[in-house]
Protein backbone atom coordinates (compact mmCIF):
# COMPACT_ATOMS: atom_id res chain seq x y z
CA MET A 1 -19.54 -0.77 -2.68
CA GLY A 2 -18.20 -1.64 -6.25
CA GLY A 3 -16.54 -4.78 -7.41
CA ILE A 4 -14.49 -6.05 -9.84
CA SER A 5 -13.87 -9.55 -11.46
CA VAL A 6 -10.27 -10.80 -12.55
CA ARG A 7 -9.96 -12.76 -15.33
CA ASN A 8 -7.20 -15.17 -16.64
CA LEU A 9 -5.81 -15.78 -13.81
CA ASP A 10 -2.79 -18.67 -14.01
CA ASP A 11 -4.00 -21.72 -12.53
CA ASP A 12 -1.21 -21.32 -10.03
CA LEU A 13 -1.51 -18.00 -9.01
CA LEU A 14 -4.86 -18.86 -7.89
CA ALA A 15 -3.48 -21.95 -6.12
CA ARG A 16 -1.47 -19.55 -4.25
CA LEU A 17 -3.93 -17.16 -3.53
CA LYS A 18 -6.27 -19.89 -2.18
CA ARG A 19 -3.46 -21.23 -0.28
CA ARG A 20 -2.52 -17.94 1.31
CA ALA A 21 -5.98 -17.26 2.05
CA ALA A 22 -6.45 -20.44 3.81
CA ARG A 23 -3.34 -19.64 5.93
CA HIS A 24 -5.17 -16.27 7.08
CA GLY A 25 -8.44 -17.99 7.64
CA ARG A 26 -10.14 -16.10 5.03
CA SER A 27 -11.81 -16.67 1.56
CA ALA A 28 -10.02 -16.06 -1.51
CA GLU A 29 -12.37 -12.63 -2.36
CA ALA A 30 -11.36 -11.81 1.53
CA GLU A 31 -7.83 -12.19 0.88
CA VAL A 32 -7.49 -10.40 -2.69
CA ARG A 33 -9.29 -7.19 -0.58
CA THR A 34 -6.69 -7.57 2.19
CA ILE A 35 -3.85 -7.79 -0.60
CA LEU A 36 -5.02 -4.49 -2.52
CA ARG A 37 -5.81 -3.16 0.49
CA HIS A 38 -2.24 -3.27 1.98
CA ALA A 39 -0.33 -2.57 -1.76
CA LEU A 40 -2.32 0.63 -2.03
CA SER A 41 -2.53 1.99 1.50
CA GLY A 42 0.95 3.37 1.41
CA GLU A 43 0.30 5.11 -2.25
CA SER A 44 -0.72 9.07 -1.82
CA GLU A 45 -3.16 10.45 -3.47
CA ARG A 46 -2.22 13.24 -6.02
CA SER A 47 -4.56 15.81 -7.04
CA PHE A 48 -5.66 16.43 -10.09
CA ASP A 49 -4.11 19.93 -10.49
CA ASP A 50 -0.58 17.85 -9.60
CA LEU A 51 -1.23 15.46 -12.23
CA SER A 52 -1.68 17.92 -14.82
CA ALA A 53 0.70 20.21 -13.70
CA ALA A 54 2.77 16.99 -14.39
CA ARG A 55 1.81 16.09 -17.49
CA ALA A 56 2.11 19.41 -18.84
CA GLY A 57 5.78 19.63 -17.51
CA ALA A 58 6.39 16.16 -19.16
CA GLU A 59 4.94 17.85 -22.56
CA ARG A 60 7.30 20.39 -22.58
CA ARG A 61 10.53 18.34 -22.10
CA PRO A 62 11.31 17.33 -25.80
CA GLY A 63 11.87 13.25 -25.96
CA THR A 64 9.10 12.39 -23.21
CA HIS A 65 5.96 11.55 -23.45
CA ALA A 66 2.96 12.71 -21.70
CA SER A 67 2.87 9.76 -19.00
CA GLY A 68 6.24 10.87 -18.35
CA ASN A 69 8.56 8.08 -20.14
CA THR A 70 10.96 8.44 -22.54
CA ALA A 71 10.35 8.29 -26.16
CA ALA A 72 10.44 4.90 -27.42
CA GLY A 73 14.22 3.54 -28.01
CA ASP A 74 15.37 5.61 -24.93
CA PRO A 75 16.92 4.39 -22.03
């Protein structure tokens, strides 16, 4: 399994995380894993082909970037 480090967390955010972990009887690290698992469980994985097609379509539309966002200054 992989691991990550999250730096530069606000003191308030870290304190809230630790309190939440304590309420759930978990370590802060276990609480972060639970939060991430829950936050990402509803997202569907798009295939590379789907992402590539979406990017190609965005590049063909004037005023959009490959990310699908409109050009700077556009609403």
